[in-house]
Amino acid sequence: MPEPSQAWIEPPPAVLITGGSVGLGFALAKEFSSRKFRVFICARSQTELQTAAQRLPGLTAICADVTSAHDREHLIAQVEQQAGLPRILVNNAAICRAHDYTSDFTLSQDRVRPEIECNFAAPIELIRLYLDRRRLTQAGTPATIVNISTPGALFPLDANPLYSATKAGLHLFTLSLRRHLRATPVRVLEVFPPALDTRLASSLCVASQAAHGQEVIDAVACRIVEGVLRDEETILPHRQSEALYAAAAPNIDAFIDEVNAGVRRHPDWESLSG
């Protein structure tokens, strides 16, 4: 396994982690901080942000809802004002809810929109905003975008189909974004954590989750950060991640190249786009 790039050593770079006040997000914040990164996190709960800041000295906590366009602008502006654009953007914030399309509870109300906004639209828009700011100020400098996915992006999950579907959408976007940016200094990485005992899946009963408590969460966070520093495009931070990914994600890079060779943007695509 290659060693981390020397480019990370000096000066201490900034990292922004969405959904960073609890769970895997906070474990990532601790791990980056231990490696002398300047860590910024965001979350919707001011109380949880204050608790996180008290637990991790040096952490900068910003109250922001990533599904809000105003809050995304404010978030990037706050980090940029204090530390410049972050060298690493980690899209970790997510919502995971149980749904049953034979139940009155699911069918009688719109419960899908928050998951679609948080898991799919928000990270894409935050990436767009981040890349736009880089284009204007730091186009030639290295950067890394890290999208926290799930093995459930690779196959349907009946108990939480919206989480699975939105993460599948983000997975495909991540693959395309990597191709868009492959001639630039921006790296695009994807992480497939195992089921962890955090509050994310509180409405689900996940067989392996109870065995993956704080010790495993911290170990997974450590492995993720190691993978980020090594520029691993696909980070599988646990044996469960490795097994599920191996079972569900065939190596189809050549096929993707072949298909995309026949689907190109029209020369006037900008004027033709709505």
C-alpha atoms as a PDB file:
ATOM      1  CA  MET A   1       0.000   0.000   0.000  1.00  0.00           C
ATOM      2  CA  PRO A   2       1.494   3.394  -0.976  1.00  0.00           C
ATOM      3  CA  GLU A   3       2.470   5.905   1.664  1.00  0.00           C
ATOM      4  CA  PRO A   4       0.497   9.147   2.100  1.00  0.00           C
ATOM      5  CA  SER A   5       1.542  11.918  -0.259  1.00  0.00           C
ATOM      6  CA  GLN A   6       4.121  14.384   1.099  1.00  0.00           C
ATOM      7  CA  ALA A   7       1.849  17.154  -0.228  1.00  0.00           C
ATOM      8  CA  TRP A   8      -0.347  16.728   2.878  1.00  0.00           C
ATOM      9  CA  ILE A   9       2.351  17.520   5.422  1.00  0.00           C
ATOM     10  CA  GLU A  10       2.862  21.329   5.288  1.00  0.00           C
ATOM     11  CA  PRO A  11       1.105  23.615   5.864  1.00  0.00           C
ATOM     12  CA  PRO A  12      -1.768  21.974   7.784  1.00  0.00           C
ATOM     13  CA  PRO A  13      -4.615  21.827   5.239  1.00  0.00           C
ATOM     14  CA  ALA A  14      -8.284  22.408   6.000  1.00  0.00           C
ATOM     15  CA  VAL A  15     -10.978  19.757   5.747  1.00  0.00           C
ATOM     16  CA  LEU A  16     -14.751  20.336   5.764  1.00  0.00           C
ATOM     17  CA  ILE A  17     -16.977  17.475   6.937  1.00  0.00           C
ATOM     18  CA  THR A  18     -20.747  17.723   6.580  1.00  0.00           C
ATOM     19  CA  GLY A  19     -22.774  15.990   9.272  1.00  0.00           C
ATOM     20  CA  GLY A  20     -19.666  16.110  11.412  1.00  0.00           C
ATOM     21  CA  SER A  21     -21.059  16.537  14.921  1.00  0.00           C
ATOM     22  CA  VAL A  22     -21.879  12.887  15.685  1.00  0.00           C
ATOM     23  CA  GLY A  23     -21.293   9.341  14.489  1.00  0.00           C
ATOM     24  CA  LEU A  24     -18.878   8.615  11.671  1.00  0.00           C
ATOM     25  CA  GLY A  25     -18.622  12.325  10.825  1.00  0.00           C
ATOM     26  CA  PHE A  26     -17.292  13.198  14.269  1.00  0.00           C
ATOM     27  CA  ALA A  27     -14.965  10.178  14.237  1.00  0.00           C
ATOM     28  CA  LEU A  28     -13.544  11.492  10.945  1.00  0.00           C
ATOM     29  CA  ALA A  29     -13.146  14.941  12.509  1.00  0.00           C
ATOM     30  CA  LYS A  30     -11.159  13.428  15.393  1.00  0.00           C
ATOM     31  CA  GLU A  31      -8.963  11.440  13.027  1.00  0.00           C
ATOM     32  CA  PHE A  32      -8.185  14.376  10.737  1.00  0.00           C
ATOM     33  CA  SER A  33      -7.498  16.549  13.782  1.00  0.00           C
ATOM     34  CA  SER A  34      -5.051  13.974  15.166  1.00  0.00           C
ATOM     35  CA  ARG A  35      -3.164  14.302  11.883  1.00  0.00           C
ATOM     36  CA  LYS A  36      -2.879  18.092  12.284  1.00  0.00           C
ATOM     37  CA  PHE A  37      -5.563  19.071   9.797  1.00  0.00           C
ATOM     38  CA  ARG A  38      -7.614  22.177  10.468  1.00  0.00           C
ATOM     39  CA  VAL A  39     -11.067  20.656  10.813  1.00  0.00           C
ATOM     40  CA  PHE A  40     -14.382  22.329  10.025  1.00  0.00           C
ATOM     41  CA  ILE A  41     -17.678  20.527  10.549  1.00  0.00           C
ATOM     42  CA  CYS A  42     -21.285  21.461   9.952  1.00  0.00           C
ATOM     43  CA  ALA A  43     -24.604  20.146  11.211  1.00  0.00           C
ATOM     44  CA  ARG A  44     -28.117  21.443  11.800  1.00  0.00           C
ATOM     45  CA  SER A  45     -28.113  21.156  15.596  1.00  0.00           C
ATOM     46  CA  GLN A  46     -26.316  23.967  17.406  1.00  0.00           C
ATOM     47  CA  THR A  47     -26.387  21.945  20.631  1.00  0.00           C
ATOM     48  CA  GLU A  48     -24.649  18.970  19.038  1.00  0.00           C
ATOM     49  CA  LEU A  49     -22.114  21.270  17.390  1.00  0.00           C
ATOM     50  CA  GLN A  50     -21.288  22.861  20.732  1.00  0.00           C
ATOM     51  CA  THR A  51     -20.852  19.431  22.305  1.00  0.00           C
ATOM     52  CA  ALA A  52     -18.557  18.354  19.467  1.00  0.00           C
ATOM     53  CA  ALA A  53     -16.470  21.520  19.801  1.00  0.00           C
ATOM     54  CA  GLN A  54     -16.113  20.932  23.537  1.00  0.00           C
ATOM     55  CA  ARG A  55     -14.996  17.349  22.966  1.00  0.00           C
ATOM     56  CA  LEU A  56     -12.461  18.250  20.268  1.00  0.00           C
ATOM     57  CA  PRO A  57     -10.406  21.403  20.935  1.00  0.00           C
ATOM     58  CA  GLY A  58      -9.471  23.274  17.791  1.00  0.00           C
ATOM     59  CA  LEU A  59     -12.567  22.108  15.922  1.00  0.00           C
ATOM     60  CA  THR A  60     -14.519  24.812  14.067  1.00  0.00           C
ATOM     61  CA  ALA A  61     -18.251  24.040  14.117  1.00  0.00           C
ATOM     62  CA  ILE A  62     -20.654  25.839  11.764  1.00  0.00           C
ATOM     63  CA  CYS A  63     -24.430  25.552  12.014  1.00  0.00           C
ATOM     64  CA  ALA A  64     -25.720  24.808   8.521  1.00  0.00           C
ATOM     65  CA  ASP A  65     -28.399  22.741   6.827  1.00  0.00           C
ATOM     66  CA  VAL A  66     -26.816  21.347   3.661  1.00  0.00           C
ATOM     67  CA  THR A  67     -30.234  21.091   1.997  1.00  0.00           C
ATOM     68  CA  SER A  68     -30.497  24.906   2.109  1.00  0.00           C
ATOM     69  CA  ALA A  69     -28.866  26.813  -0.765  1.00  0.00           C
ATOM     70  CA  HIS A  70     -28.343  29.804   1.542  1.00  0.00           C
ATOM     71  CA  ASP A  71     -26.682  27.647   4.189  1.00  0.00           C
ATOM     72  CA  ARG A  72     -24.390  25.985   1.645  1.00  0.00           C
ATOM     73  CA  GLU A  73     -23.213  29.401   0.438  1.00  0.00           C
ATOM     74  CA  HIS A  74     -22.728  30.532   4.047  1.00  0.00           C
ATOM     75  CA  LEU A  75     -20.830  27.353   4.920  1.00  0.00           C
ATOM     76  CA  ILE A  76     -18.301  27.649   2.097  1.00  0.00           C
ATOM     77  CA  ALA A  77     -17.913  31.388   2.733  1.00  0.00           C
ATOM     78  CA  GLN A  78     -17.232  30.834   6.444  1.00  0.00           C
ATOM     79  CA  VAL A  79     -14.574  28.202   5.830  1.00  0.00           C
ATOM     80  CA  GLU A  80     -12.990  30.225   3.032  1.00  0.00           C
ATOM     81  CA  GLN A  81     -12.868  33.326   5.207  1.00  0.00           C
ATOM     82  CA  GLN A  82     -11.118  31.500   8.045  1.00  0.00           C
ATOM     83  CA  ALA A  83      -8.838  29.064   6.228  1.00  0.00           C
ATOM     84  CA  GLY A  84      -9.244  29.465   2.491  1.00  0.00           C
ATOM     85  CA  LEU A  85     -11.110  26.829   0.531  1.00  0.00           C
ATOM     86  CA  PRO A  86     -10.792  23.442   2.220  1.00  0.00           C
ATOM     87  CA  ARG A  87      -8.275  21.086   0.680  1.00  0.00           C
ATOM     88  CA  ILE A  88     -10.675  18.212   1.389  1.00  0.00           C
ATOM     89  CA  LEU A  89     -14.481  18.248   1.173  1.00  0.00           C
ATOM     90  CA  VAL A  90     -16.182  15.270   2.837  1.00  0.00           C
ATOM     91  CA  ASN A  91     -19.858  14.811   1.975  1.00  0.00           C
ATOM     92  CA  ASN A  92     -20.976  12.761   4.963  1.00  0.00           C
ATOM     93  CA  ALA A  93     -24.382  14.197   5.982  1.00  0.00           C
ATOM     94  CA  ALA A  94     -27.212  11.759   5.293  1.00  0.00           C
ATOM     95  CA  ILE A  95     -30.728  10.728   6.263  1.00  0.00           C
ATOM     96  CA  CYS A  96     -31.814   7.088   6.405  1.00  0.00           C
ATOM     97  CA  ARG A  97     -35.468   6.221   7.004  1.00  0.00           C
ATOM     98  CA  ALA A  98     -37.520   3.056   6.861  1.00  0.00           C
ATOM     99  CA  HIS A  99     -40.298   2.920   4.229  1.00  0.00           C
ATOM    100  CA  ASP A 100     -42.933   0.336   3.378  1.00  0.00           C
ATOM    101  CA  TYR A 101     -45.017   0.990   0.281  1.00  0.00           C
ATOM    102  CA  THR A 102     -47.777  -1.292   1.565  1.00  0.00           C
ATOM    103  CA  SER A 103     -48.232   0.725   4.786  1.00  0.00           C
ATOM    104  CA  ASP A 104     -50.592   3.613   5.496  1.00  0.00           C
ATOM    105  CA  PHE A 105     -47.730   5.476   7.187  1.00  0.00           C
ATOM    106  CA  THR A 106     -45.622   5.563   4.014  1.00  0.00           C
ATOM    107  CA  LEU A 107     -48.462   6.063   1.544  1.00  0.00           C
ATOM    108  CA  SER A 108     -50.288   8.841   3.403  1.00  0.00           C
ATOM    109  CA  GLN A 109     -47.483  11.452   3.370  1.00  0.00           C
ATOM    110  CA  ASP A 110     -44.455  12.727   1.492  1.00  0.00           C
ATOM    111  CA  ARG A 111     -41.489  11.367   3.453  1.00  0.00           C
ATOM    112  CA  VAL A 112     -39.064  11.011   0.548  1.00  0.00           C
ATOM    113  CA  ARG A 113     -38.120  14.617  -0.121  1.00  0.00           C
ATOM    114  CA  PRO A 114     -35.746  15.095   2.870  1.00  0.00           C
ATOM    115  CA  GLU A 115     -33.756  11.998   1.924  1.00  0.00           C
ATOM    116  CA  ILE A 116     -33.517  13.007  -1.739  1.00  0.00           C
ATOM    117  CA  GLU A 117     -32.448  16.535  -0.802  1.00  0.00           C
ATOM    118  CA  CYS A 118     -29.925  15.532   1.865  1.00  0.00           C
ATOM    119  CA  ASN A 119     -28.411  12.393   0.335  1.00  0.00           C
ATOM    120  CA  PHE A 120     -28.409  13.303  -3.347  1.00  0.00           C
ATOM    121  CA  ALA A 121     -29.096  16.931  -4.253  1.00  0.00           C
ATOM    122  CA  ALA A 122     -27.199  18.603  -1.389  1.00  0.00           C
ATOM    123  CA  PRO A 123     -23.800  16.944  -1.898  1.00  0.00           C
ATOM    124  CA  ILE A 124     -23.971  17.549  -5.640  1.00  0.00           C
ATOM    125  CA  GLU A 125     -24.791  21.218  -5.121  1.00  0.00           C
ATOM    126  CA  LEU A 126     -22.105  21.603  -2.464  1.00  0.00           C
ATOM    127  CA  ILE A 127     -19.593  20.072  -4.879  1.00  0.00           C
ATOM    128  CA  ARG A 128     -20.728  22.460  -7.616  1.00  0.00           C
ATOM    129  CA  LEU A 129     -20.321  25.429  -5.306  1.00  0.00           C
ATOM    130  CA  TYR A 130     -16.924  24.182  -4.125  1.00  0.00           C
ATOM    131  CA  LEU A 131     -15.671  23.675  -7.683  1.00  0.00           C
ATOM    132  CA  ASP A 132     -16.996  27.070  -8.742  1.00  0.00           C
ATOM    133  CA  ARG A 133     -15.098  28.787  -5.935  1.00  0.00           C
ATOM    134  CA  ARG A 134     -11.972  26.803  -6.853  1.00  0.00           C
ATOM    135  CA  ARG A 135     -12.348  27.807 -10.493  1.00  0.00           C
ATOM    136  CA  LEU A 136     -12.297  31.455  -9.460  1.00  0.00           C
ATOM    137  CA  THR A 137      -9.551  31.328  -6.827  1.00  0.00           C
ATOM    138  CA  GLN A 138      -7.575  28.053  -6.689  1.00  0.00           C
ATOM    139  CA  ALA A 139      -8.003  26.282 -10.021  1.00  0.00           C
ATOM    140  CA  GLY A 140      -4.453  24.916 -10.145  1.00  0.00           C
ATOM    141  CA  THR A 141      -4.129  23.630  -6.580  1.00  0.00           C
ATOM    142  CA  PRO A 142      -4.735  20.011  -5.473  1.00  0.00           C
ATOM    143  CA  ALA A 143      -8.009  19.140  -3.769  1.00  0.00           C
ATOM    144  CA  THR A 144      -9.980  16.058  -2.802  1.00  0.00           C
ATOM    145  CA  ILE A 145     -13.724  15.431  -2.808  1.00  0.00           C
ATOM    146  CA  VAL A 146     -14.797  12.497  -0.625  1.00  0.00           C
ATOM    147  CA  ASN A 147     -18.322  11.140  -0.960  1.00  0.00           C
ATOM    148  CA  ILE A 148     -19.446   8.829   1.848  1.00  0.00           C
ATOM    149  CA  SER A 149     -21.533   6.149   0.175  1.00  0.00           C
ATOM    150  CA  THR A 150     -22.774   2.763   1.394  1.00  0.00           C
ATOM    151  CA  PRO A 151     -22.655  -0.790   0.058  1.00  0.00           C
ATOM    152  CA  GLY A 152     -26.429  -0.349  -0.184  1.00  0.00           C
ATOM    153  CA  ALA A 153     -25.799   1.953  -3.157  1.00  0.00           C
ATOM    154  CA  LEU A 154     -24.903  -1.175  -5.128  1.00  0.00           C
ATOM    155  CA  PHE A 155     -28.057  -3.234  -4.513  1.00  0.00           C
ATOM    156  CA  PRO A 156     -31.658  -2.544  -3.405  1.00  0.00           C
ATOM    157  CA  LEU A 157     -32.446  -2.418   0.293  1.00  0.00           C
ATOM    158  CA  ASP A 158     -36.110  -3.185   0.915  1.00  0.00           C
ATOM    159  CA  ALA A 159     -36.327  -1.678   4.403  1.00  0.00           C
ATOM    160  CA  ASN A 160     -34.833   1.684   3.394  1.00  0.00           C
ATOM    161  CA  PRO A 161     -35.299   1.983  -0.359  1.00  0.00           C
ATOM    162  CA  LEU A 162     -34.891   5.771  -0.537  1.00  0.00           C
ATOM    163  CA  TYR A 163     -31.536   5.668   1.222  1.00  0.00           C
ATOM    164  CA  SER A 164     -30.393   2.930  -1.138  1.00  0.00           C
ATOM    165  CA  ALA A 165     -31.705   4.762  -4.217  1.00  0.00           C
ATOM    166  CA  THR A 166     -30.291   8.173  -3.314  1.00  0.00           C
ATOM    167  CA  LYS A 167     -26.896   6.686  -2.504  1.00  0.00           C
ATOM    168  CA  ALA A 168     -26.999   4.764  -5.783  1.00  0.00           C
ATOM    169  CA  GLY A 169     -27.592   8.049  -7.564  1.00  0.00           C
ATOM    170  CA  LEU A 170     -24.698   9.675  -5.720  1.00  0.00           C
ATOM    171  CA  HIS A 171     -22.499   6.677  -6.572  1.00  0.00           C
ATOM    172  CA  LEU A 172     -23.132   7.082 -10.307  1.00  0.00           C
ATOM    173  CA  PHE A 173     -22.628  10.834 -10.060  1.00  0.00           C
ATOM    174  CA  THR A 174     -19.320  10.207  -8.274  1.00  0.00           C
ATOM    175  CA  LEU A 175     -18.125   7.970 -11.107  1.00  0.00           C
ATOM    176  CA  SER A 176     -19.054  10.599 -13.697  1.00  0.00           C
ATOM    177  CA  LEU A 177     -17.562  13.458 -11.676  1.00  0.00           C
ATOM    178  CA  ARG A 178     -14.279  11.571 -11.428  1.00  0.00           C
ATOM    179  CA  ARG A 179     -14.226  11.308 -15.206  1.00  0.00           C
ATOM    180  CA  HIS A 180     -15.050  15.012 -15.595  1.00  0.00           C
ATOM    181  CA  LEU A 181     -12.174  16.008 -13.313  1.00  0.00           C
ATOM    182  CA  ARG A 182      -9.538  13.448 -14.263  1.00  0.00           C
ATOM    183  CA  ALA A 183      -7.448  16.060 -16.140  1.00  0.00           C
ATOM    184  CA  THR A 184      -7.577  18.450 -13.155  1.00  0.00           C
ATOM    185  CA  PRO A 185      -5.803  18.398  -9.764  1.00  0.00           C
ATOM    186  CA  VAL A 186      -9.090  17.492  -8.028  1.00  0.00           C
ATOM    187  CA  ARG A 187      -9.351  13.905  -6.839  1.00  0.00           C
ATOM    188  CA  VAL A 188     -12.761  12.262  -6.374  1.00  0.00           C
ATOM    189  CA  LEU A 189     -12.928   9.452  -3.808  1.00  0.00           C
ATOM    190  CA  GLU A 190     -15.786   7.253  -2.632  1.00  0.00           C
ATOM    191  CA  VAL A 191     -16.147   5.460   0.698  1.00  0.00           C
ATOM    192  CA  PHE A 192     -18.279   2.387   1.426  1.00  0.00           C
ATOM    193  CA  PRO A 193     -18.487   2.061   5.241  1.00  0.00           C
ATOM    194  CA  PRO A 194     -20.048  -0.979   6.909  1.00  0.00           C
ATOM    195  CA  ALA A 195     -23.246  -0.768   8.937  1.00  0.00           C
ATOM    196  CA  LEU A 196     -22.239   1.197  12.036  1.00  0.00           C
ATOM    197  CA  ASP A 197     -23.984   1.649  15.371  1.00  0.00           C
ATOM    198  CA  THR A 198     -24.779   5.345  14.942  1.00  0.00           C
ATOM    199  CA  ARG A 199     -28.101   7.179  14.971  1.00  0.00           C
ATOM    200  CA  LEU A 200     -28.315   7.104  11.173  1.00  0.00           C
ATOM    201  CA  ALA A 201     -30.407   3.936  10.976  1.00  0.00           C
ATOM    202  CA  SER A 202     -32.472   4.305  14.150  1.00  0.00           C
ATOM    203  CA  SER A 203     -35.675   3.189  12.374  1.00  0.00           C
ATOM    204  CA  LEU A 204     -34.055  -0.020  11.116  1.00  0.00           C
ATOM    205  CA  CYS A 205     -32.955  -3.317  12.639  1.00  0.00           C
ATOM    206  CA  VAL A 206     -29.581  -4.091  11.042  1.00  0.00           C
ATOM    207  CA  ALA A 207     -28.183  -7.485  11.978  1.00  0.00           C
ATOM    208  CA  SER A 208     -24.495  -6.502  12.061  1.00  0.00           C
ATOM    209  CA  GLN A 209     -24.899  -2.983  13.407  1.00  0.00           C
ATOM    210  CA  ALA A 210     -24.753  -3.745  17.153  1.00  0.00           C
ATOM    211  CA  ALA A 211     -21.298  -5.300  16.786  1.00  0.00           C
ATOM    212  CA  HIS A 212     -19.971  -2.152  15.114  1.00  0.00           C
ATOM    213  CA  GLY A 213     -19.915   0.279  18.046  1.00  0.00           C
ATOM    214  CA  GLN A 214     -17.568   3.145  18.855  1.00  0.00           C
ATOM    215  CA  GLU A 215     -14.374   1.092  18.647  1.00  0.00           C
ATOM    216  CA  VAL A 216     -15.262  -0.035  15.125  1.00  0.00           C
ATOM    217  CA  ILE A 217     -16.462   3.454  14.156  1.00  0.00           C
ATOM    218  CA  ASP A 218     -13.111   4.914  15.187  1.00  0.00           C
ATOM    219  CA  ALA A 219     -11.195   2.185  13.351  1.00  0.00           C
ATOM    220  CA  VAL A 220     -13.278   2.753  10.221  1.00  0.00           C
ATOM    221  CA  ALA A 221     -12.635   6.498  10.443  1.00  0.00           C
ATOM    222  CA  CYS A 222      -8.894   5.861  10.746  1.00  0.00           C
ATOM    223  CA  ARG A 223      -8.912   3.603   7.690  1.00  0.00           C
ATOM    224  CA  ILE A 224     -10.943   6.158   5.699  1.00  0.00           C
ATOM    225  CA  VAL A 225      -8.500   8.962   6.448  1.00  0.00           C
ATOM    226  CA  GLU A 226      -5.580   6.719   5.524  1.00  0.00           C
ATOM    227  CA  GLY A 227      -7.305   6.004   2.218  1.00  0.00           C
ATOM    228  CA  VAL A 228      -7.951   9.697   1.594  1.00  0.00           C
ATOM    229  CA  LEU A 229      -4.310  10.553   2.213  1.00  0.00           C
ATOM    230  CA  ARG A 230      -3.296   7.804  -0.230  1.00  0.00           C
ATOM    231  CA  ASP A 231      -5.764   9.020  -2.888  1.00  0.00           C
ATOM    232  CA  GLU A 232      -7.599   5.676  -2.999  1.00  0.00           C
ATOM    233  CA  GLU A 233     -10.513   6.161  -5.364  1.00  0.00           C
ATOM    234  CA  THR A 234     -12.593   3.433  -3.690  1.00  0.00           C
ATOM    235  CA  ILE A 235     -12.127   3.128   0.070  1.00  0.00           C
ATOM    236  CA  LEU A 236     -13.380  -0.065   1.714  1.00  0.00           C
ATOM    237  CA  PRO A 237     -12.653   0.529   5.413  1.00  0.00           C
ATOM    238  CA  HIS A 238     -13.921  -2.752   6.885  1.00  0.00           C
ATOM    239  CA  ARG A 239     -14.098  -6.423   5.954  1.00  0.00           C
ATOM    240  CA  GLN A 240     -17.897  -6.110   5.579  1.00  0.00           C
ATOM    241  CA  SER A 241     -17.335  -3.293   3.090  1.00  0.00           C
ATOM    242  CA  GLU A 242     -14.866  -5.435   1.154  1.00  0.00           C
ATOM    243  CA  ALA A 243     -17.193  -8.453   1.030  1.00  0.00           C
ATOM    244  CA  LEU A 244     -20.286  -6.543  -0.076  1.00  0.00           C
ATOM    245  CA  TYR A 245     -18.412  -4.465  -2.624  1.00  0.00           C
ATOM    246  CA  ALA A 246     -16.749  -7.548  -4.098  1.00  0.00           C
ATOM    247  CA  ALA A 247     -20.129  -9.268  -4.399  1.00  0.00           C
ATOM    248  CA  ALA A 248     -22.027  -6.352  -5.936  1.00  0.00           C
ATOM    249  CA  ALA A 249     -19.629  -4.068  -7.834  1.00  0.00           C
ATOM    250  CA  PRO A 250     -18.142  -5.656 -10.965  1.00  0.00           C
ATOM    251  CA  ASN A 251     -15.142  -3.980 -12.590  1.00  0.00           C
ATOM    252  CA  ILE A 252     -16.755  -2.333 -15.618  1.00  0.00           C
ATOM    253  CA  ASP A 253     -14.357   0.536 -16.310  1.00  0.00           C
ATOM    254  CA  ALA A 254     -13.747  -0.579 -19.905  1.00  0.00           C
ATOM    255  CA  PHE A 255     -17.482  -0.945 -20.504  1.00  0.00           C
ATOM    256  CA  ILE A 256     -18.103   2.560 -19.090  1.00  0.00           C
ATOM    257  CA  ASP A 257     -15.467   3.968 -21.447  1.00  0.00           C
ATOM    258  CA  GLU A 258     -17.113   2.221 -24.406  1.00  0.00           C
ATOM    259  CA  VAL A 259     -20.622   3.442 -23.579  1.00  0.00           C
ATOM    260  CA  ASN A 260     -19.519   7.012 -22.942  1.00  0.00           C
ATOM    261  CA  ALA A 261     -17.643   7.120 -26.240  1.00  0.00           C
ATOM    262  CA  GLY A 262     -21.060   7.040 -27.916  1.00  0.00           C
ATOM    263  CA  VAL A 263     -22.730   9.664 -25.701  1.00  0.00           C
ATOM    264  CA  ARG A 264     -21.199  13.111 -26.078  1.00  0.00           C
ATOM    265  CA  ARG A 265     -22.290  16.635 -25.259  1.00  0.00           C
ATOM    266  CA  HIS A 266     -23.651  18.526 -28.297  1.00  0.00           C
ATOM    267  CA  PRO A 267     -21.206  21.248 -29.464  1.00  0.00           C
ATOM    268  CA  ASP A 268     -23.838  23.843 -28.498  1.00  0.00           C
ATOM    269  CA  TRP A 269     -24.973  22.072 -25.337  1.00  0.00           C
ATOM    270  CA  GLU A 270     -24.826  25.187 -23.158  1.00  0.00           C
ATOM    271  CA  SER A 271     -27.240  27.143 -25.350  1.00  0.00           C
ATOM    272  CA  LEU A 272     -29.491  24.111 -25.783  1.00  0.00           C
ATOM    273  CA  SER A 273     -29.722  23.343 -22.065  1.00  0.00           C
ATOM    274  CA  GLY A 274     -32.735  24.570 -20.117  1.00  0.00           C
END
